[in-house]
Amino acid sequence: RAVLATARAPRGAASDRTGLTGLQALEGCTSHAALAAGEQALAGRIAVGLRADLTALGVDPVEAPADEVADAPVPLTVTGGHIVHRTVG
């Protein structure tokens, strides 16, 4: 959450610049990160046969304002295809 939010709202010396869009920030943490690590055939997307590591946020990380993304609840975390965190309710 914090990485997505910070990428969209630069602080400090970069505060006079426009941050990334929500989509750019999400891609930077998913498909682009997998590509940079040379793992695009294994990760970075939700697809059959790819590594199932994901975090579900309580807000849309592409459309929600950066401050809402930073404070969003995390109702579900999946690692290696197994649920490791789930909020009941």
Protein backbone atom coordinates (compact mmCIF):
# COMPACT_ATOMS: atom_id res chain seq x y z
CA ARG A 1 0.00 0.00 0.00
CA ALA A 2 2.68 2.47 0.97
CA VAL A 3 4.70 1.90 -2.21
CA LEU A 4 1.64 2.44 -4.40
CA ALA A 5 0.68 5.59 -2.51
CA THR A 6 4.18 7.09 -2.36
CA ALA A 7 4.79 6.56 -6.08
CA ARG A 8 1.65 8.56 -6.79
CA ALA A 9 2.40 11.44 -4.42
CA PRO A 10 6.13 12.38 -4.46
CA ARG A 11 7.51 14.14 -1.40
CA GLY A 12 10.66 16.06 -0.59
CA ALA A 13 12.82 17.16 -3.51
CA ALA A 14 10.43 15.52 -5.98
CA SER A 15 7.30 17.16 -4.54
CA ASP A 16 7.09 19.68 -7.38
CA ARG A 17 6.73 16.86 -9.90
CA THR A 18 3.67 14.87 -10.87
CA GLY A 19 3.65 11.37 -9.44
CA LEU A 20 2.76 8.21 -11.29
CA THR A 21 -0.81 7.44 -12.23
CA GLY A 22 -2.53 4.70 -10.26
CA LEU A 23 -2.07 2.30 -13.18
CA GLN A 24 1.63 3.12 -13.55
CA ALA A 25 2.19 2.55 -9.82
CA LEU A 26 0.35 -0.79 -9.92
CA GLU A 27 2.28 -1.94 -13.00
CA GLY A 28 5.53 -0.95 -11.29
CA CYS A 29 4.71 -3.32 -8.43
CA THR A 30 3.47 -6.17 -10.64
CA SER A 31 4.18 -6.76 -14.33
CA HIS A 32 7.06 -4.28 -14.64
CA ALA A 33 8.71 -5.61 -11.47
CA ALA A 34 8.51 -9.16 -12.83
CA LEU A 35 9.98 -8.01 -16.14
CA ALA A 36 12.85 -6.20 -14.40
CA ALA A 37 13.61 -9.35 -12.41
CA GLY A 38 13.48 -11.52 -15.54
CA GLU A 39 10.47 -13.40 -14.12
CA GLN A 40 7.75 -12.31 -16.54
CA ALA A 41 7.05 -15.97 -17.42
CA LEU A 42 6.51 -16.77 -13.73
CA ALA A 43 4.96 -13.71 -12.11
CA GLY A 44 3.59 -10.20 -12.52
CA ARG A 45 0.09 -11.08 -13.71
CA ILE A 46 -2.89 -13.06 -12.53
CA ALA A 47 -2.99 -16.01 -14.93
CA VAL A 48 -3.18 -19.80 -14.87
CA GLY A 49 0.23 -21.32 -14.22
CA LEU A 50 1.85 -18.18 -12.80
CA ARG A 51 2.98 -17.78 -9.21
CA ALA A 52 -0.02 -16.84 -7.09
CA ASP A 53 1.29 -14.12 -4.78
CA LEU A 54 -1.17 -11.27 -4.38
CA THR A 55 -2.60 -8.76 -1.96
CA ALA A 56 -6.20 -7.60 -2.20
CA LEU A 57 -6.82 -4.03 -1.08
CA GLY A 58 -10.09 -2.64 0.23
CA VAL A 59 -9.98 0.12 -2.43
CA ASP A 60 -9.23 0.20 -6.14
CA PRO A 61 -5.48 1.01 -6.25
CA VAL A 62 -5.80 2.48 -9.74
CA GLU A 63 -8.74 4.82 -9.12
CA ALA A 64 -8.59 5.67 -5.40
CA PRO A 65 -6.64 8.75 -4.22
CA ALA A 66 -3.12 7.97 -3.01
CA ASP A 67 -3.95 8.68 0.64
CA GLU A 68 -6.85 6.20 0.54
CA VAL A 69 -4.58 3.53 -0.96
CA ALA A 70 -2.01 4.08 1.80
CA ASP A 71 -4.63 3.53 4.51
CA ALA A 72 -6.69 0.86 2.74
CA PRO A 73 -7.58 -2.31 4.59
CA VAL A 74 -5.98 -5.53 3.35
CA PRO A 75 -8.72 -8.18 3.43
CA LEU A 76 -6.73 -10.93 1.70
CA THR A 77 -3.11 -11.96 1.12
CA VAL A 78 -2.17 -15.02 -0.95
CA THR A 79 1.36 -16.42 -1.13
CA GLY A 80 2.25 -19.36 -3.35
CA GLY A 81 -1.44 -19.94 -4.00
CA HIS A 82 -2.22 -20.26 -0.29
CA ILE A 83 -4.25 -17.79 1.75
CA VAL A 84 -1.95 -16.46 4.48
CA HIS A 85 -4.19 -13.63 5.68
CA ARG A 86 -7.95 -13.14 5.48
CA THR A 87 -10.05 -10.61 7.31
CA VAL A 88 -13.30 -12.16 8.46
CA GLY A 89 -16.40 -10.10 7.86
